[in-house]
């Protein structure tokens, strides 16, 4: 698989999102020769795993001889999956503020945008349909699930625009817009959400909104995007620091080491609650750290797709 050191060399700056996503996916596919997904590499766009009970008419016996696994050929007109990507574009997602020369995907929004583009590249290779919703304090963007090249380009343009125009003091209204998005997706789909889950207010309402995404037998994956060093471990020096809420503008000055233990305990308890609620509602919960490689994203998607029937 492509390691994070190689990725940083390849995508150290924002140049062209489609090209960067392609590089990540090609590196991932080349690594599949040594992974549980061996057999998806060379003929990646033309094959799917054979399931017991299906017709044997389209089994690729040559690929079986090479991999000792059964795969069936798919055809260009087939759409195997409908996938709807959801990205939280509130101000808290535009953290941390990047320094000169720092890779754009080391912010939460940059990581989410590139991860979305990477998944889109994979979906395109497998001739699957993709849609996109973007929200913050309003429902910023909606595109239904389609598989055309023009549709992919339109969504990529929107993702690129999110990087070029950072959010300015946008709050998060996850509850309202997850309900609205759930009502828009009528045909059974895989729904993939990128969010930091920093939604103030009633936790029960948030969890109810996540559950709503499951209606119509959708498969839901929550990628919980965090900056682990500062948002979970609360690692700062011993000097007094001013902390500013990116969404409300509220400020507080304090010594981080005085509250580090209490902060970490509270955050971990909340994240555990989110994970437990997702498990209870059969939502796949995957915490991801900004700046990490994209192997976890791609592997999660492939595993979920294989079990999505």
Protein backbone atom coordinates (compact mmCIF):
# COMPACT_ATOMS: atom_id res chain seq x y z
CA UNK A 1 0.00 0.00 0.00
CA UNK A 2 1.07 3.63 -0.45
CA UNK A 3 2.57 4.77 2.83
CA UNK A 4 1.97 8.21 4.27
CA UNK A 5 5.59 9.31 3.63
CA UNK A 6 5.16 8.54 -0.08
CA UNK A 7 1.78 10.25 -0.16
CA UNK A 8 3.17 13.44 1.35
CA UNK A 9 5.84 13.49 -1.36
CA UNK A 10 3.21 12.95 -4.06
CA UNK A 11 0.54 15.30 -2.74
CA UNK A 12 2.42 17.83 -0.65
CA UNK A 13 0.36 20.66 -2.13
CA UNK A 14 -3.04 21.14 -3.70
CA UNK A 15 -2.50 20.93 -7.46
CA UNK A 16 -5.19 18.90 -9.12
CA UNK A 17 -7.58 16.88 -7.02
CA UNK A 18 -8.44 14.30 -9.66
CA UNK A 19 -4.76 13.53 -10.33
CA UNK A 20 -3.95 13.27 -6.63
CA UNK A 21 -6.87 10.91 -6.03
CA UNK A 22 -5.76 8.78 -8.98
CA UNK A 23 -2.24 8.49 -7.55
CA UNK A 24 -3.56 7.32 -4.18
CA UNK A 25 -5.89 4.73 -5.72
CA UNK A 26 -3.27 3.36 -8.13
CA UNK A 27 -0.85 2.96 -5.24
CA UNK A 28 -3.52 1.18 -3.22
CA UNK A 29 -4.42 -1.17 -6.09
CA UNK A 30 -0.77 -2.03 -6.73
CA UNK A 31 -0.49 -3.02 -3.07
CA UNK A 32 -3.46 -5.35 -3.33
CA UNK A 33 -1.20 -8.13 -4.64
CA UNK A 34 -0.15 -8.67 -1.03
CA UNK A 35 -3.52 -8.01 0.58
CA UNK A 36 -6.77 -9.90 1.23
CA UNK A 37 -8.12 -8.21 -1.90
CA UNK A 38 -5.58 -9.92 -4.16
CA UNK A 39 -7.22 -10.44 -7.52
CA UNK A 40 -8.85 -7.02 -7.75
CA UNK A 41 -5.72 -5.35 -9.08
CA UNK A 42 -5.04 -6.01 -12.76
CA UNK A 43 -8.70 -6.47 -13.71
CA UNK A 44 -10.02 -4.17 -11.02
CA UNK A 45 -12.76 -2.46 -13.00
CA UNK A 46 -14.07 -5.58 -14.69
CA UNK A 47 -14.59 -8.09 -11.88
CA UNK A 48 -16.54 -8.68 -8.69
CA UNK A 49 -16.46 -11.51 -6.15
CA UNK A 50 -18.59 -14.53 -7.06
CA UNK A 51 -21.30 -15.29 -4.50
CA UNK A 52 -22.68 -18.77 -3.94
CA UNK A 53 -25.95 -19.24 -5.80
CA UNK A 54 -25.15 -16.80 -8.62
CA UNK A 55 -24.98 -17.96 -12.22
CA UNK A 56 -21.60 -19.44 -13.14
CA UNK A 57 -21.97 -18.16 -16.71
CA UNK A 58 -19.63 -15.18 -16.28
CA UNK A 59 -16.99 -16.69 -13.95
CA UNK A 60 -13.49 -15.74 -15.10
CA UNK A 61 -11.71 -19.09 -14.96
CA UNK A 62 -8.38 -17.62 -16.06
CA UNK A 63 -8.43 -15.25 -13.09
CA UNK A 64 -9.42 -18.19 -10.87
CA UNK A 65 -6.30 -20.06 -12.05
CA UNK A 66 -4.13 -17.10 -11.03
CA UNK A 67 -5.80 -16.21 -7.74
CA UNK A 68 -7.57 -19.40 -6.60
CA UNK A 69 -10.65 -17.24 -6.01
CA UNK A 70 -13.87 -16.99 -7.99
CA UNK A 71 -14.70 -13.71 -9.69
CA UNK A 72 -17.38 -12.89 -12.27
CA UNK A 73 -16.97 -10.46 -15.13
CA UNK A 74 -19.02 -7.29 -15.05
CA UNK A 75 -20.00 -5.18 -18.02
CA UNK A 76 -19.89 -1.48 -18.80
CA UNK A 77 -23.62 -0.94 -18.55
CA UNK A 78 -23.76 -2.41 -15.02
CA UNK A 79 -23.96 -0.14 -11.98
CA UNK A 80 -23.08 -2.24 -8.96
CA UNK A 81 -23.55 0.37 -6.29
CA UNK A 82 -25.04 3.77 -5.56
CA UNK A 83 -22.89 5.81 -3.14
CA UNK A 84 -23.70 9.18 -1.58
CA UNK A 85 -20.85 11.13 0.01
CA UNK A 86 -21.62 13.69 2.74
CA UNK A 87 -19.05 16.27 3.88
CA UNK A 88 -19.35 18.59 6.88
CA UNK A 89 -18.00 21.97 5.74
CA UNK A 90 -18.46 23.92 8.98
CA UNK A 91 -15.68 26.08 10.42
CA UNK A 92 -14.51 23.40 12.86
CA UNK A 93 -13.64 21.21 9.87
CA UNK A 94 -11.17 23.87 8.67
CA UNK A 95 -8.84 22.97 11.53
CA UNK A 96 -5.95 22.88 12.13
CA UNK A 97 -4.76 26.02 10.38
CA UNK A 98 -2.02 24.87 8.06
CA UNK A 99 1.48 26.31 8.00
CA UNK A 100 3.37 27.26 4.85
CA UNK A 101 4.19 24.12 2.85
CA UNK A 102 2.08 21.81 5.03
CA UNK A 103 0.04 19.24 3.02
CA UNK A 104 -3.54 20.41 2.57
CA UNK A 105 -4.89 17.04 3.72
CA UNK A 106 -3.56 17.66 7.24
CA UNK A 107 -6.62 19.79 7.92
CA UNK A 108 -9.92 18.02 8.53
CA UNK A 109 -11.61 19.50 5.47
CA UNK A 110 -8.60 18.82 3.25
CA UNK A 111 -8.44 15.21 4.41
CA UNK A 112 -12.19 14.76 3.88
CA UNK A 113 -12.11 16.33 0.41
CA UNK A 114 -9.20 14.21 -0.78
CA UNK A 115 -10.67 11.06 0.78
CA UNK A 116 -13.95 11.80 -1.06
CA UNK A 117 -12.07 12.25 -4.35
CA UNK A 118 -10.18 9.00 -3.73
CA UNK A 119 -13.44 7.11 -3.18
CA UNK A 120 -14.91 8.74 -6.29
CA UNK A 121 -11.95 7.50 -8.32
CA UNK A 122 -12.52 3.98 -7.04
CA UNK A 123 -16.27 4.20 -7.68
CA UNK A 124 -15.59 5.37 -11.22
CA UNK A 125 -13.24 2.45 -11.85
CA UNK A 126 -15.97 0.07 -10.70
CA UNK A 127 -18.63 1.93 -12.74
CA UNK A 128 -20.65 2.82 -9.68
CA UNK A 129 -22.86 5.89 -9.25
CA UNK A 130 -21.86 8.64 -6.83
CA UNK A 131 -23.63 11.66 -5.31
CA UNK A 132 -22.52 14.41 -2.93
CA UNK A 133 -24.04 16.53 -0.16
CA UNK A 134 -22.19 19.36 1.61
CA UNK A 135 -23.55 21.10 4.70
CA UNK A 136 -22.55 23.53 7.47
CA UNK A 137 -25.06 26.06 8.80
CA UNK A 138 -26.97 25.51 5.54
CA UNK A 139 -27.40 22.79 2.94
CA UNK A 140 -24.64 24.05 0.64
CA UNK A 141 -24.70 21.50 -2.15
CA UNK A 142 -26.56 18.45 -3.39
CA UNK A 143 -25.90 16.20 -6.38
CA UNK A 144 -27.80 12.91 -6.83
CA UNK A 145 -26.07 9.61 -7.56
CA UNK A 146 -24.95 9.31 -11.19
CA UNK A 147 -22.08 7.61 -12.98
CA UNK A 148 -21.29 9.83 -15.97
CA UNK A 149 -17.91 11.48 -16.53
CA UNK A 150 -19.58 14.89 -16.61
CA UNK A 151 -21.21 14.22 -13.24
CA UNK A 152 -17.89 13.16 -11.69
CA UNK A 153 -16.24 16.32 -13.01
CA UNK A 154 -19.01 18.48 -11.55
CA UNK A 155 -18.58 16.94 -8.10
CA UNK A 156 -14.78 17.22 -8.25
CA UNK A 157 -15.15 20.90 -9.13
CA UNK A 158 -17.26 21.37 -5.99
CA UNK A 159 -14.70 19.56 -3.83
CA UNK A 160 -11.89 21.68 -5.26
CA UNK A 161 -13.94 24.81 -4.58
CA UNK A 162 -14.26 23.82 -0.91
CA UNK A 163 -10.46 23.89 -0.60
CA UNK A 164 -10.04 27.17 -2.42
CA UNK A 165 -12.79 28.96 -0.47
CA UNK A 166 -12.37 28.15 3.24
CA UNK A 167 -15.43 28.43 5.46
CA UNK A 168 -15.67 31.63 7.50
CA UNK A 169 -17.52 31.37 10.82
CA UNK A 170 -19.92 28.65 9.79
CA UNK A 171 -21.64 26.75 12.55
CA UNK A 172 -22.67 23.10 12.32
CA UNK A 173 -26.28 22.02 12.00
CA UNK A 174 -25.67 18.32 11.48
CA UNK A 175 -29.05 17.25 12.84
CA UNK A 176 -31.17 19.33 10.46
CA UNK A 177 -29.24 18.52 7.33
CA UNK A 178 -28.70 14.82 7.94
CA UNK A 179 -32.49 14.53 8.17
CA UNK A 180 -32.86 16.48 4.91
CA UNK A 181 -30.22 14.41 3.16
CA UNK A 182 -31.84 11.18 4.34
CA UNK A 183 -35.13 12.28 2.78
CA UNK A 184 -33.45 12.97 -0.56
CA UNK A 185 -31.84 9.53 -1.02
CA UNK A 186 -34.67 7.31 -2.17
CA UNK A 187 -32.88 4.38 -3.81
CA UNK A 188 -30.88 2.00 -1.63
CA UNK A 189 -27.34 3.34 -1.37
CA UNK A 190 -24.12 3.31 0.59
CA UNK A 191 -23.92 6.60 2.49
CA UNK A 192 -20.48 7.80 3.57
CA UNK A 193 -20.24 10.72 6.01
CA UNK A 194 -17.09 12.74 6.75
CA UNK A 195 -17.58 14.84 9.91
CA UNK A 196 -15.81 15.76 13.14
CA UNK A 197 -19.04 15.24 15.15
CA UNK A 198 -18.58 18.49 17.06
CA UNK A 199 -22.29 19.25 17.14
CA UNK A 200 -23.44 21.21 20.15
CA UNK A 201 -26.79 20.55 21.78
CA UNK A 202 -28.81 17.40 22.19
CA UNK A 203 -26.79 14.20 21.61
CA UNK A 204 -30.01 12.21 21.28
CA UNK A 205 -31.10 14.40 18.35
CA UNK A 206 -27.77 13.86 16.63
CA UNK A 207 -27.95 10.10 17.06
CA UNK A 208 -31.53 10.13 15.78
CA UNK A 209 -30.36 11.93 12.65
CA UNK A 210 -27.66 9.31 12.10
CA UNK A 211 -30.27 6.59 12.50
CA UNK A 212 -32.47 8.34 9.91
CA UNK A 213 -29.73 7.80 7.32
CA UNK A 214 -30.36 4.07 7.70
CA UNK A 215 -33.93 4.24 6.36
CA UNK A 216 -34.63 2.50 3.04
CA UNK A 217 -32.02 -0.09 4.06
CA UNK A 218 -29.07 2.18 3.26
CA UNK A 219 -25.58 1.15 4.37
CA UNK A 220 -24.01 3.98 6.41
CA UNK A 221 -20.31 4.58 7.11
CA UNK A 222 -19.21 7.40 9.44
CA UNK A 223 -15.61 8.51 9.04
CA UNK A 224 -15.03 10.50 12.23
CA UNK A 225 -12.35 12.99 11.15
CA UNK A 226 -10.13 14.31 13.94
CA UNK A 227 -6.74 15.85 14.60
CA UNK A 228 -5.69 13.27 17.15
CA UNK A 229 -2.73 15.18 18.59
CA UNK A 230 -4.66 18.28 19.66
CA UNK A 231 -8.34 17.27 19.67
CA UNK A 232 -7.99 13.95 21.49
CA UNK A 233 -4.61 13.93 23.23
CA UNK A 234 -4.67 17.72 23.84
CA UNK A 235 -0.90 17.97 23.35
CA UNK A 236 0.28 21.55 23.80
CA UNK A 237 3.25 23.09 25.60
CA UNK A 238 3.01 24.35 29.19
CA UNK A 239 2.63 28.03 28.24
CA UNK A 240 -0.78 29.72 28.56
CA UNK A 241 -2.74 29.55 25.32
CA UNK A 242 -5.80 31.24 23.91
CA UNK A 243 -8.36 28.75 22.58
CA UNK A 244 -10.93 30.09 20.11
CA UNK A 245 -14.13 28.32 19.10
CA UNK A 246 -14.01 28.47 15.29
CA UNK A 247 -17.78 28.44 14.99
CA UNK A 248 -18.91 30.78 17.78
CA UNK A 249 -15.79 32.93 18.19
CA UNK A 250 -15.79 32.37 21.96
CA UNK A 251 -12.33 32.60 23.55
CA UNK A 252 -10.73 31.21 26.69
CA UNK A 253 -7.12 31.48 27.90
CA UNK A 254 -5.72 28.68 30.04
CA UNK A 255 -2.80 26.37 30.76
CA UNK A 256 -3.57 23.27 28.74
CA UNK A 257 -1.72 20.93 31.11
CA UNK A 258 -4.05 21.99 33.95
CA UNK A 259 -7.08 20.51 32.21
CA UNK A 260 -5.48 17.95 29.89
CA UNK A 261 -6.57 14.91 31.90
CA UNK A 262 -10.14 16.17 32.32
CA UNK A 263 -10.36 17.17 28.65
CA UNK A 264 -9.07 13.84 27.34
CA UNK A 265 -11.46 11.95 29.59
CA UNK A 266 -14.45 13.96 28.37
CA UNK A 267 -13.55 13.68 24.68
CA UNK A 268 -12.86 9.96 24.83
CA UNK A 269 -16.16 9.38 26.65
CA UNK A 270 -18.04 11.30 23.96
CA UNK A 271 -16.28 9.48 21.11
CA UNK A 272 -17.02 6.16 22.81
CA UNK A 273 -20.69 7.14 23.03
CA UNK A 274 -20.74 7.97 19.29
CA UNK A 275 -19.10 4.62 18.50
CA UNK A 276 -21.54 2.69 20.68
CA UNK A 277 -24.55 4.45 19.17
CA UNK A 278 -23.29 3.67 15.68
CA UNK A 279 -22.82 0.02 16.62
CA UNK A 280 -26.35 -0.17 18.03
CA UNK A 281 -27.73 1.23 14.77
CA UNK A 282 -25.48 -0.93 12.56
CA UNK A 283 -23.57 2.09 11.29
CA UNK A 284 -19.92 1.48 10.49
CA UNK A 285 -17.89 3.84 12.69
CA UNK A 286 -14.29 4.58 11.65
CA UNK A 287 -12.18 7.26 13.39
CA UNK A 288 -9.58 8.72 11.03
CA UNK A 289 -6.70 11.05 11.86
CA UNK A 290 -5.89 13.92 9.50
CA UNK A 291 -2.68 13.39 7.57
CA UNK A 292 -2.95 9.61 7.80
CA UNK A 293 -2.79 7.46 4.69
CA UNK A 294 -5.99 6.51 2.90
CA UNK A 295 -5.66 2.74 3.20
CA UNK A 296 -8.21 2.65 6.05
CA UNK A 297 -10.70 4.62 3.95
CA UNK A 298 -10.37 2.39 0.90
CA UNK A 299 -10.26 -0.89 2.80
CA UNK A 300 -13.37 0.06 4.78
CA UNK A 301 -15.21 0.92 1.57
CA UNK A 302 -14.26 -2.37 -0.13
CA UNK A 303 -15.26 -4.48 2.87
CA UNK A 304 -18.58 -2.67 3.24
CA UNK A 305 -19.28 -3.03 -0.48
CA UNK A 306 -18.63 -6.76 -0.38
CA UNK A 307 -21.24 -7.22 2.35
CA UNK A 308 -23.74 -4.72 0.89
CA UNK A 309 -26.37 -6.82 -0.86
